[in-house]
Amino acid sequence: MAEAYRQAWGLDEPVPAQFVNWLGNLVTGDLGVSRLIPGQEVSAVLASRLGASALLVTTALALVLAGSLIMGVLAARFRDSALDWFVRTVSYTNAFAPSFWVVLLAI
């Protein structure tokens, strides 16, 4: 069973050969068959989820831009106040903290 799996996925070849095969398939647009959803092409799975992903990214970007603009204007209006200090602290934390750490804090 394991050997058949290795042969089917090309895992019995050396790693450089696997990479060259993968890269050749990628250049031609063949992303292969999904391991998580048997029998479905990876490109079809990605295409079916593209609309929802684009909506999510667009909404998040709009919220972040609007929120940043509002907070920046408020920080400039109330310069050297507690609000300005808070906005600067949050901005510096988001800019310099590792993203995985910020996400863990958000959760």
PDB file of N, CA and C in Angstrom:
ATOM      1  N   MET A   1       0.832  -1.197   0.000  1.00  0.00           N
ATOM      2  CA  MET A   1       0.000   0.000   0.000  1.00  0.00           C
ATOM      3  C   MET A   1       0.871   1.254   0.000  1.00  0.00           C
ATOM      4  N   ALA A   2       1.844   1.325   0.900  1.00  0.00           N
ATOM      5  CA  ALA A   2       2.712   2.494   0.980  1.00  0.00           C
ATOM      6  C   ALA A   2       3.562   2.623  -0.280  1.00  0.00           C
ATOM      7  N   GLU A   3       4.022   1.502  -0.805  1.00  0.00           N
ATOM      8  CA  GLU A   3       4.849   1.540  -2.010  1.00  0.00           C
ATOM      9  C   GLU A   3       4.027   2.016  -3.215  1.00  0.00           C
ATOM     10  N   ALA A   4       2.791   1.583  -3.298  1.00  0.00           N
ATOM     11  CA  ALA A   4       1.922   2.026  -4.387  1.00  0.00           C
ATOM     12  C   ALA A   4       1.672   3.534  -4.291  1.00  0.00           C
ATOM     13  N   TYR A   5       1.529   4.022  -3.090  1.00  0.00           N
ATOM     14  CA  TYR A   5       1.340   5.457  -2.868  1.00  0.00           C
ATOM     15  C   TYR A   5       2.585   6.225  -3.310  1.00  0.00           C
ATOM     16  N   ARG A   6       3.760   5.730  -2.931  1.00  0.00           N
ATOM     17  CA  ARG A   6       5.011   6.391  -3.318  1.00  0.00           C
ATOM     18  C   ARG A   6       5.168   6.445  -4.837  1.00  0.00           C
ATOM     19  N   GLN A   7       4.835   5.364  -5.502  1.00  0.00           N
ATOM     20  CA  GLN A   7       4.948   5.320  -6.964  1.00  0.00           C
ATOM     21  C   GLN A   7       3.918   6.234  -7.623  1.00  0.00           C
ATOM     22  N   ALA A   8       2.708   6.244  -7.103  1.00  0.00           N
ATOM     23  CA  ALA A   8       1.644   7.052  -7.695  1.00  0.00           C
ATOM     24  C   ALA A   8       1.965   8.542  -7.607  1.00  0.00           C
ATOM     25  N   TRP A   9       2.584   8.960  -6.524  1.00  0.00           N
ATOM     26  CA  TRP A   9       2.890  10.377  -6.326  1.00  0.00           C
ATOM     27  C   TRP A   9       4.329  10.727  -6.715  1.00  0.00           C
ATOM     28  N   GLY A  10       5.081   9.769  -7.197  1.00  0.00           N
ATOM     29  CA  GLY A  10       6.451  10.035  -7.632  1.00  0.00           C
ATOM     30  C   GLY A  10       7.428  10.214  -6.491  1.00  0.00           C
ATOM     31  N   LEU A  11       7.081   9.727  -5.304  1.00  0.00           N
ATOM     32  CA  LEU A  11       7.938   9.900  -4.138  1.00  0.00           C
ATOM     33  C   LEU A  11       9.077   8.885  -4.095  1.00  0.00           C
ATOM     34  N   ASP A  12       9.071   7.947  -5.040  1.00  0.00           N
ATOM     35  CA  ASP A  12      10.155   6.970  -5.100  1.00  0.00           C
ATOM     36  C   ASP A  12      11.353   7.500  -5.884  1.00  0.00           C
ATOM     37  N   GLU A  13      11.214   8.678  -6.485  1.00  0.00           N
ATOM     38  CA  GLU A  13      12.306   9.302  -7.231  1.00  0.00           C
ATOM     39  C   GLU A  13      13.134  10.181  -6.289  1.00  0.00           C
ATOM     40  N   PRO A  14      14.357  10.526  -6.688  1.00  0.00           N
ATOM     41  CA  PRO A  14      15.167  11.439  -5.873  1.00  0.00           C
ATOM     42  C   PRO A  14      14.499  12.815  -5.782  1.00  0.00           C
ATOM     43  N   VAL A  15      14.788  13.541  -4.722  1.00  0.00           N
ATOM     44  CA  VAL A  15      14.160  14.838  -4.494  1.00  0.00           C
ATOM     45  C   VAL A  15      14.405  15.816  -5.648  1.00  0.00           C
ATOM     46  N   PRO A  16      15.645  15.913  -6.184  1.00  0.00           N
ATOM     47  CA  PRO A  16      15.817  16.835  -7.318  1.00  0.00           C
ATOM     48  C   PRO A  16      14.936  16.476  -8.516  1.00  0.00           C
ATOM     49  N   ALA A  17      14.759  15.195  -8.780  1.00  0.00           N
ATOM     50  CA  ALA A  17      13.899  14.773  -9.889  1.00  0.00           C
ATOM     51  C   ALA A  17      12.439  15.119  -9.587  1.00  0.00           C
ATOM     52  N   GLN A  18      12.015  14.968  -8.349  1.00  0.00           N
ATOM     53  CA  GLN A  18      10.659  15.340  -7.957  1.00  0.00           C
ATOM     54  C   GLN A  18      10.434  16.832  -8.187  1.00  0.00           C
ATOM     55  N   PHE A  19      11.439  17.630  -7.818  1.00  0.00           N
ATOM     56  CA  PHE A  19      11.321  19.075  -7.980  1.00  0.00           C
ATOM     57  C   PHE A  19      11.238  19.464  -9.452  1.00  0.00           C
ATOM     58  N   VAL A  20      12.081  18.867 -10.277  1.00  0.00           N
ATOM     59  CA  VAL A  20      12.066  19.174 -11.711  1.00  0.00           C
ATOM     60  C   VAL A  20      10.721  18.775 -12.320  1.00  0.00           C
ATOM     61  N   ASN A  21      10.199  17.618 -11.945  1.00  0.00           N
ATOM     62  CA  ASN A  21       8.879  17.185 -12.434  1.00  0.00           C
ATOM     63  C   ASN A  21       7.794  18.167 -12.002  1.00  0.00           C
ATOM     64  N   TRP A  22       7.839  18.560 -10.739  1.00  0.00           N
ATOM     65  CA  TRP A  22       6.842  19.498 -10.211  1.00  0.00           C
ATOM     66  C   TRP A  22       6.925  20.833 -10.937  1.00  0.00           C
ATOM     67  N   LEU A  23       8.151  21.335 -11.124  1.00  0.00           N
ATOM     68  CA  LEU A  23       8.348  22.617 -11.788  1.00  0.00           C
ATOM     69  C   LEU A  23       7.882  22.560 -13.241  1.00  0.00           C
ATOM     70  N   GLY A  24       8.166  21.458 -13.925  1.00  0.00           N
ATOM     71  CA  GLY A  24       7.704  21.293 -15.300  1.00  0.00           C
ATOM     72  C   GLY A  24       6.187  21.289 -15.383  1.00  0.00           C
ATOM     73  N   ASN A  25       5.547  20.591 -14.459  1.00  0.00           N
ATOM     74  CA  ASN A  25       4.086  20.569 -14.427  1.00  0.00           C
ATOM     75  C   ASN A  25       3.522  21.956 -14.108  1.00  0.00           C
ATOM     76  N   LEU A  26       4.176  22.669 -13.195  1.00  0.00           N
ATOM     77  CA  LEU A  26       3.716  23.999 -12.828  1.00  0.00           C
ATOM     78  C   LEU A  26       3.784  24.956 -14.007  1.00  0.00           C
ATOM     79  N   VAL A  27       4.859  24.886 -14.769  1.00  0.00           N
ATOM     80  CA  VAL A  27       5.027  25.765 -15.932  1.00  0.00           C
ATOM     81  C   VAL A  27       3.945  25.500 -16.975  1.00  0.00           C
ATOM     82  N   THR A  28       3.553  24.259 -17.116  1.00  0.00           N
ATOM     83  CA  THR A  28       2.522  23.921 -18.104  1.00  0.00           C
ATOM     84  C   THR A  28       1.101  24.097 -17.560  1.00  0.00           C
ATOM     85  N   GLY A  29       0.972  24.477 -16.292  1.00  0.00           N
ATOM     86  CA  GLY A  29      -0.345  24.718 -15.708  1.00  0.00           C
ATOM     87  C   GLY A  29      -0.981  23.495 -15.088  1.00  0.00           C
ATOM     88  N   ASP A  30      -0.253  22.404 -14.997  1.00  0.00           N
ATOM     89  CA  ASP A  30      -0.780  21.174 -14.394  1.00  0.00           C
ATOM     90  C   ASP A  30      -0.405  21.164 -12.913  1.00  0.00           C
ATOM     91  N   LEU A  31      -1.374  21.460 -12.048  1.00  0.00           N
ATOM     92  CA  LEU A  31      -1.112  21.457 -10.614  1.00  0.00           C
ATOM     93  C   LEU A  31      -1.346  20.096  -9.984  1.00  0.00           C
ATOM     94  N   GLY A  32      -1.805  19.153 -10.755  1.00  0.00           N
ATOM     95  CA  GLY A  32      -1.975  17.795 -10.260  1.00  0.00           C
ATOM     96  C   GLY A  32      -3.345  17.538  -9.667  1.00  0.00           C
ATOM     97  N   VAL A  33      -3.450  16.400  -8.998  1.00  0.00           N
ATOM     98  CA  VAL A  33      -4.698  15.954  -8.386  1.00  0.00           C
ATOM     99  C   VAL A  33      -4.610  16.209  -6.890  1.00  0.00           C
ATOM    100  N   SER A  34      -5.695  16.667  -6.304  1.00  0.00           N
ATOM    101  CA  SER A  34      -5.729  16.984  -4.887  1.00  0.00           C
ATOM    102  C   SER A  34      -5.589  15.720  -4.042  1.00  0.00           C
ATOM    103  N   ARG A  35      -4.789  15.810  -3.004  1.00  0.00           N
ATOM    104  CA  ARG A  35      -4.676  14.693  -2.069  1.00  0.00           C
ATOM    105  C   ARG A  35      -5.787  14.738  -1.032  1.00  0.00           C
ATOM    106  N   LEU A  36      -6.321  15.942  -0.786  1.00  0.00           N
ATOM    107  CA  LEU A  36      -7.377  16.084   0.218  1.00  0.00           C
ATOM    108  C   LEU A  36      -8.759  15.785  -0.344  1.00  0.00           C
ATOM    109  N   ILE A  37      -8.968  16.102  -1.617  1.00  0.00           N
ATOM    110  CA  ILE A  37     -10.244  15.839  -2.277  1.00  0.00           C
ATOM    111  C   ILE A  37      -9.955  14.897  -3.440  1.00  0.00           C
ATOM    112  N   PRO A  38     -10.008  13.608  -3.232  1.00  0.00           N
ATOM    113  CA  PRO A  38      -9.611  12.639  -4.260  1.00  0.00           C
ATOM    114  C   PRO A  38     -10.405  12.803  -5.551  1.00  0.00           C
ATOM    115  N   GLY A  39      -9.667  12.718  -6.657  1.00  0.00           N
ATOM    116  CA  GLY A  39     -10.293  12.766  -7.962  1.00  0.00           C
ATOM    117  C   GLY A  39     -10.519  14.158  -8.515  1.00  0.00           C
ATOM    118  N   GLN A  40     -10.170  15.198  -7.757  1.00  0.00           N
ATOM    119  CA  GLN A  40     -10.370  16.562  -8.241  1.00  0.00           C
ATOM    120  C   GLN A  40      -9.026  17.215  -8.537  1.00  0.00           C
ATOM    121  N   GLU A  41      -8.982  17.966  -9.621  1.00  0.00           N
ATOM    122  CA  GLU A  41      -7.779  18.702  -9.973  1.00  0.00           C
ATOM    123  C   GLU A  41      -7.581  19.857  -8.993  1.00  0.00           C
ATOM    124  N   VAL A  42      -6.327  20.119  -8.646  1.00  0.00           N
ATOM    125  CA  VAL A  42      -6.020  21.212  -7.729  1.00  0.00           C
ATOM    126  C   VAL A  42      -6.477  22.541  -8.319  1.00  0.00           C
ATOM    127  N   SER A  43      -6.273  22.749  -9.612  1.00  0.00           N
ATOM    128  CA  SER A  43      -6.680  24.007 -10.246  1.00  0.00           C
ATOM    129  C   SER A  43      -8.190  24.211 -10.154  1.00  0.00           C
ATOM    130  N   ALA A  44      -8.965  23.144 -10.264  1.00  0.00           N
ATOM    131  CA  ALA A  44     -10.422  23.261 -10.140  1.00  0.00           C
ATOM    132  C   ALA A  44     -10.827  23.608  -8.709  1.00  0.00           C
ATOM    133  N   VAL A  45     -10.146  23.018  -7.743  1.00  0.00           N
ATOM    134  CA  VAL A  45     -10.439  23.313  -6.337  1.00  0.00           C
ATOM    135  C   VAL A  45     -10.100  24.774  -6.039  1.00  0.00           C
ATOM    136  N   LEU A  46      -8.951  25.242  -6.521  1.00  0.00           N
ATOM    137  CA  LEU A  46      -8.562  26.640  -6.310  1.00  0.00           C
ATOM    138  C   LEU A  46      -9.544  27.595  -6.986  1.00  0.00           C
ATOM    139  N   ALA A  47      -9.938  27.277  -8.207  1.00  0.00           N
ATOM    140  CA  ALA A  47     -10.863  28.139  -8.946  1.00  0.00           C
ATOM    141  C   ALA A  47     -12.222  28.221  -8.254  1.00  0.00           C
ATOM    142  N   SER A  48     -12.674  27.122  -7.670  1.00  0.00           N
ATOM    143  CA  SER A  48     -13.981  27.128  -7.008  1.00  0.00           C
ATOM    144  C   SER A  48     -13.985  27.986  -5.749  1.00  0.00           C
ATOM    145  N   ARG A  49     -12.817  28.215  -5.164  1.00  0.00           N
ATOM    146  CA  ARG A  49     -12.730  29.005  -3.939  1.00  0.00           C
ATOM    147  C   ARG A  49     -12.192  30.419  -4.173  1.00  0.00           C
ATOM    148  N   LEU A  50     -11.920  30.765  -5.410  1.00  0.00           N
ATOM    149  CA  LEU A  50     -11.322  32.054  -5.721  1.00  0.00           C
ATOM    150  C   LEU A  50     -12.253  33.222  -5.399  1.00  0.00           C
ATOM    151  N   GLY A  51     -13.527  33.090  -5.696  1.00  0.00           N
ATOM    152  CA  GLY A  51     -14.477  34.172  -5.447  1.00  0.00           C
ATOM    153  C   GLY A  51     -14.598  34.512  -3.972  1.00  0.00           C
ATOM    154  N   ALA A  52     -14.734  33.495  -3.134  1.00  0.00           N
ATOM    155  CA  ALA A  52     -14.853  33.725  -1.694  1.00  0.00           C
ATOM    156  C   ALA A  52     -13.572  34.329  -1.132  1.00  0.00           C
ATOM    157  N   SER A  53     -12.423  33.865  -1.604  1.00  0.00           N
ATOM    158  CA  SER A  53     -11.149  34.401  -1.136  1.00  0.00           C
ATOM    159  C   SER A  53     -10.981  35.855  -1.549  1.00  0.00           C
ATOM    160  N   ALA A  54     -11.359  36.182  -2.780  1.00  0.00           N
ATOM    161  CA  ALA A  54     -11.255  37.562  -3.251  1.00  0.00           C
ATOM    162  C   ALA A  54     -12.173  38.484  -2.448  1.00  0.00           C
ATOM    163  N   LEU A  55     -13.376  38.025  -2.143  1.00  0.00           N
ATOM    164  CA  LEU A  55     -14.300  38.815  -1.332  1.00  0.00           C
ATOM    165  C   LEU A  55     -13.731  39.052   0.061  1.00  0.00           C
ATOM    166  N   LEU A  56     -13.171  38.022   0.659  1.00  0.00           N
ATOM    167  CA  LEU A  56     -12.586  38.141   1.993  1.00  0.00           C
ATOM    168  C   LEU A  56     -11.413  39.115   2.010  1.00  0.00           C
ATOM    169  N   VAL A  57     -10.525  39.006   1.030  1.00  0.00           N
ATOM    170  CA  VAL A  57      -9.358  39.886   0.964  1.00  0.00           C
ATOM    171  C   VAL A  57      -9.787  41.328   0.708  1.00  0.00           C
ATOM    172  N   THR A  58     -10.724  41.534  -0.193  1.00  0.00           N
ATOM    173  CA  THR A  58     -11.191  42.884  -0.509  1.00  0.00           C
ATOM    174  C   THR A  58     -11.856  43.538   0.703  1.00  0.00           C
ATOM    175  N   THR A  59     -12.699  42.796   1.400  1.00  0.00           N
ATOM    176  CA  THR A  59     -13.365  43.320   2.585  1.00  0.00           C
ATOM    177  C   THR A  59     -12.362  43.659   3.680  1.00  0.00           C
ATOM    178  N   ALA A  60     -11.429  42.763   3.923  1.00  0.00           N
ATOM    179  CA  ALA A  60     -10.417  43.011   4.956  1.00  0.00           C
ATOM    180  C   ALA A  60      -9.564  44.218   4.601  1.00  0.00           C
ATOM    181  N   LEU A  61      -9.171  44.340   3.347  1.00  0.00           N
ATOM    182  CA  LEU A  61      -8.359  45.475   2.921  1.00  0.00           C
ATOM    183  C   LEU A  61      -9.123  46.783   3.075  1.00  0.00           C
ATOM    184  N   ALA A  62     -10.395  46.795   2.705  1.00  0.00           N
ATOM    185  CA  ALA A  62     -11.207  48.005   2.847  1.00  0.00           C
ATOM    186  C   ALA A  62     -11.343  48.405   4.312  1.00  0.00           C
ATOM    187  N   LEU A  63     -11.580  47.424   5.185  1.00  0.00           N
ATOM    188  CA  LEU A  63     -11.701  47.721   6.614  1.00  0.00           C
ATOM    189  C   LEU A  63     -10.396  48.250   7.191  1.00  0.00           C
ATOM    190  N   VAL A  64      -9.295  47.637   6.824  1.00  0.00           N
ATOM    191  CA  VAL A  64      -7.999  48.071   7.336  1.00  0.00           C
ATOM    192  C   VAL A  64      -7.663  49.474   6.841  1.00  0.00           C
ATOM    193  N   LEU A  65      -7.887  49.740   5.565  1.00  0.00           N
ATOM    194  CA  LEU A  65      -7.590  51.069   5.030  1.00  0.00           C
ATOM    195  C   LEU A  65      -8.466  52.143   5.656  1.00  0.00           C
ATOM    196  N   ALA A  66      -9.761  51.871   5.782  1.00  0.00           N
ATOM    197  CA  ALA A  66     -10.667  52.847   6.384  1.00  0.00           C
ATOM    198  C   ALA A  66     -10.311  53.084   7.854  1.00  0.00           C
ATOM    199  N   GLY A  67     -10.082  52.000   8.586  1.00  0.00           N
ATOM    200  CA  GLY A  67      -9.724  52.133   9.997  1.00  0.00           C
ATOM    201  C   GLY A  67      -8.406  52.858  10.185  1.00  0.00           C
ATOM    202  N   SER A  68      -7.431  52.577   9.347  1.00  0.00           N
ATOM    203  CA  SER A  68      -6.123  53.230   9.444  1.00  0.00           C
ATOM    204  C   SER A  68      -6.232  54.713   9.144  1.00  0.00           C
ATOM    205  N   LEU A  69      -7.013  55.053   8.140  1.00  0.00           N
ATOM    206  CA  LEU A  69      -7.189  56.453   7.788  1.00  0.00           C
ATOM    207  C   LEU A  69      -7.860  57.219   8.929  1.00  0.00           C
ATOM    208  N   ILE A  70      -8.904  56.651   9.482  1.00  0.00           N
ATOM    209  CA  ILE A  70      -9.616  57.302  10.591  1.00  0.00           C
ATOM    210  C   ILE A  70      -8.703  57.452  11.803  1.00  0.00           C
ATOM    211  N   MET A  71      -8.008  56.380  12.159  1.00  0.00           N
ATOM    212  CA  MET A  71      -7.125  56.452  13.337  1.00  0.00           C
ATOM    213  C   MET A  71      -5.965  57.415  13.103  1.00  0.00           C
ATOM    214  N   GLY A  72      -5.438  57.464  11.891  1.00  0.00           N
ATOM    215  CA  GLY A  72      -4.353  58.395  11.579  1.00  0.00           C
ATOM    216  C   GLY A  72      -4.798  59.845  11.671  1.00  0.00           C
ATOM    217  N   VAL A  73      -5.983  60.137  11.162  1.00  0.00           N
ATOM    218  CA  VAL A  73      -6.512  61.503  11.239  1.00  0.00           C
ATOM    219  C   VAL A  73      -6.769  61.883  12.694  1.00  0.00           C
ATOM    220  N   LEU A  74      -7.342  60.974  13.474  1.00  0.00           N
ATOM    221  CA  LEU A  74      -7.592  61.264  14.894  1.00  0.00           C
ATOM    222  C   LEU A  74      -6.288  61.466  15.664  1.00  0.00           C
ATOM    223  N   ALA A  75      -5.284  60.644  15.368  1.00  0.00           N
ATOM    224  CA  ALA A  75      -3.995  60.783  16.042  1.00  0.00           C
ATOM    225  C   ALA A  75      -3.348  62.119  15.684  1.00  0.00           C
ATOM    226  N   ALA A  76      -3.498  62.551  14.428  1.00  0.00           N
ATOM    227  CA  ALA A  76      -2.930  63.836  14.028  1.00  0.00           C
ATOM    228  C   ALA A  76      -3.699  64.998  14.655  1.00  0.00           C
ATOM    229  N   ARG A  77      -5.002  64.847  14.744  1.00  0.00           N
ATOM    230  CA  ARG A  77      -5.833  65.914  15.330  1.00  0.00           C
ATOM    231  C   ARG A  77      -5.553  66.081  16.820  1.00  0.00           C
ATOM    232  N   PHE A  78      -5.419  64.984  17.535  1.00  0.00           N
ATOM    233  CA  PHE A  78      -5.180  65.027  18.978  1.00  0.00           C
ATOM    234  C   PHE A  78      -3.734  64.641  19.276  1.00  0.00           C
ATOM    235  N   ARG A  79      -2.816  65.377  18.681  1.00  0.00           N
ATOM    236  CA  ARG A  79      -1.391  65.088  18.803  1.00  0.00           C
ATOM    237  C   ARG A  79      -0.934  65.159  20.258  1.00  0.00           C
ATOM    238  N   ASP A  80      -0.059  64.215  20.625  1.00  0.00           N
ATOM    239  CA  ASP A  80       0.520  64.110  21.974  1.00  0.00           C
ATOM    240  C   ASP A  80      -0.515  63.834  23.058  1.00  0.00           C
ATOM    241  N   SER A  81      -1.646  63.264  22.690  1.00  0.00           N
ATOM    242  CA  SER A  81      -2.656  62.868  23.674  1.00  0.00           C
ATOM    243  C   SER A  81      -2.568  61.363  23.906  1.00  0.00           C
ATOM    244  N   ALA A  82      -3.420  60.866  24.772  1.00  0.00           N
ATOM    245  CA  ALA A  82      -3.461  59.429  25.045  1.00  0.00           C
ATOM    246  C   ALA A  82      -3.890  58.662  23.791  1.00  0.00           C
ATOM    247  N   LEU A  83      -4.793  59.263  23.012  1.00  0.00           N
ATOM    248  CA  LEU A  83      -5.242  58.609  21.774  1.00  0.00           C
ATOM    249  C   LEU A  83      -4.085  58.497  20.787  1.00  0.00           C
ATOM    250  N   ASP A  84      -3.305  59.557  20.644  1.00  0.00           N
ATOM    251  CA  ASP A  84      -2.145  59.538  19.755  1.00  0.00           C
ATOM    252  C   ASP A  84      -1.148  58.474  20.210  1.00  0.00           C
ATOM    253  N   TRP A  85      -0.895  58.419  21.508  1.00  0.00           N
ATOM    254  CA  TRP A  85       0.038  57.423  22.045  1.00  0.00           C
ATOM    255  C   TRP A  85      -0.465  56.008  21.743  1.00  0.00           C
ATOM    256  N   PHE A  86      -1.765  55.777  21.933  1.00  0.00           N
ATOM    257  CA  PHE A  86      -2.350  54.461  21.683  1.00  0.00           C
ATOM    258  C   PHE A  86      -2.228  54.077  20.213  1.00  0.00           C
ATOM    259  N   VAL A  87      -2.550  55.003  19.316  1.00  0.00           N
ATOM    260  CA  VAL A  87      -2.484  54.714  17.871  1.00  0.00           C
ATOM    261  C   VAL A  87      -1.044  54.417  17.466  1.00  0.00           C
ATOM    262  N   ARG A  88      -0.090  55.204  17.971  1.00  0.00           N
ATOM    263  CA  ARG A  88       1.318  54.954  17.638  1.00  0.00           C
ATOM    264  C   ARG A  88       1.778  53.602  18.170  1.00  0.00           C
ATOM    265  N   THR A  89       1.386  53.265  19.386  1.00  0.00           N
ATOM    266  CA  THR A  89       1.787  51.985  19.976  1.00  0.00           C
ATOM    267  C   THR A  89       1.231  50.813  19.171  1.00  0.00           C
ATOM    268  N   VAL A  90      -0.036  50.885  18.811  1.00  0.00           N
ATOM    269  CA  VAL A  90      -0.645  49.810  18.008  1.00  0.00           C
ATOM    270  C   VAL A  90       0.023  49.729  16.637  1.00  0.00           C
ATOM    271  N   SER A  91       0.320  50.869  16.041  1.00  0.00           N
ATOM    272  CA  SER A  91       0.961  50.886  14.722  1.00  0.00           C
ATOM    273  C   SER A  91       2.353  50.271  14.775  1.00  0.00           C
ATOM    274  N   TYR A  92       3.140  50.660  15.779  1.00  0.00           N
ATOM    275  CA  TYR A  92       4.487  50.103  15.902  1.00  0.00           C
ATOM    276  C   TYR A  92       4.436  48.601  16.179  1.00  0.00           C
ATOM    277  N   THR A  93       3.495  48.185  17.012  1.00  0.00           N
ATOM    278  CA  THR A  93       3.370  46.756  17.320  1.00  0.00           C
ATOM    279  C   THR A  93       3.022  45.969  16.060  1.00  0.00           C
ATOM    280  N   ASN A  94       2.078  46.480  15.279  1.00  0.00           N
ATOM    281  CA  ASN A  94       1.692  45.782  14.045  1.00  0.00           C
ATOM    282  C   ASN A  94       2.809  45.780  13.016  1.00  0.00           C
ATOM    283  N   ALA A  95       3.610  46.825  13.002  1.00  0.00           N
ATOM    284  CA  ALA A  95       4.674  46.913  11.999  1.00  0.00           C
ATOM    285  C   ALA A  95       5.862  46.024  12.343  1.00  0.00           C
ATOM    286  N   PHE A  96       6.204  45.930  13.626  1.00  0.00           N
ATOM    287  CA  PHE A  96       7.443  45.262  13.995  1.00  0.00           C
ATOM    288  C   PHE A  96       7.274  43.902  14.658  1.00  0.00           C
ATOM    289  N   ALA A  97       6.078  43.576  15.114  1.00  0.00           N
ATOM    290  CA  ALA A  97       5.860  42.282  15.753  1.00  0.00           C
ATOM    291  C   ALA A  97       5.679  41.210  14.684  1.00  0.00           C
ATOM    292  N   PRO A  98       6.136  40.009  14.941  1.00  0.00           N
ATOM    293  CA  PRO A  98       5.903  38.919  13.984  1.00  0.00           C
ATOM    294  C   PRO A  98       4.406  38.675  13.812  1.00  0.00           C
ATOM    295  N   SER A  99       3.993  38.456  12.580  1.00  0.00           N
ATOM    296  CA  SER A  99       2.561  38.323  12.297  1.00  0.00           C
ATOM    297  C   SER A  99       1.930  37.143  13.039  1.00  0.00           C
ATOM    298  N   PHE A 100       2.662  36.040  13.184  1.00  0.00           N
ATOM    299  CA  PHE A 100       2.073  34.892  13.888  1.00  0.00           C
ATOM    300  C   PHE A 100       1.808  35.234  15.352  1.00  0.00           C
ATOM    301  N   TRP A 101       2.636  36.086  15.941  1.00  0.00           N
ATOM    302  CA  TRP A 101       2.455  36.480  17.337  1.00  0.00           C
ATOM    303  C   TRP A 101       1.254  37.389  17.480  1.00  0.00           C
ATOM    304  N   VAL A 102       1.082  38.329  16.544  1.00  0.00           N
ATOM    305  CA  VAL A 102      -0.063  39.230  16.578  1.00  0.00           C
ATOM    306  C   VAL A 102      -1.365  38.438  16.416  1.00  0.00           C
ATOM    307  N   VAL A 103      -1.351  37.445  15.534  1.00  0.00           N
ATOM    308  CA  VAL A 103      -2.538  36.618  15.338  1.00  0.00           C
ATOM    309  C   VAL A 103      -2.861  35.821  16.594  1.00  0.00           C
ATOM    310  N   LEU A 104      -1.848  35.271  17.242  1.00  0.00           N
ATOM    311  CA  LEU A 104      -2.092  34.545  18.487  1.00  0.00           C
ATOM    312  C   LEU A 104      -2.680  35.469  19.561  1.00  0.00           C
ATOM    313  N   LEU A 105      -2.210  36.690  19.637  1.00  0.00           N
ATOM    314  CA  LEU A 105      -2.772  37.640  20.586  1.00  0.00           C
ATOM    315  C   LEU A 105      -4.213  37.976  20.224  1.00  0.00           C
ATOM    316  N   ALA A 106      -4.493  38.107  18.952  1.00  0.00           N
ATOM    317  CA  ALA A 106      -5.846  38.433  18.511  1.00  0.00           C
ATOM    318  C   ALA A 106      -6.834  37.309  18.828  1.00  0.00           C
ATOM    319  N   ILE A 107      -6.348  36.081  18.739  1.00  0.00           N
ATOM    320  CA  ILE A 107      -7.223  34.935  19.030  1.00  0.00           C
ATOM    321  C   ILE A 107      -7.549  34.918  20.512  1.00  0.00           C
TER     322      ILE A 107
END
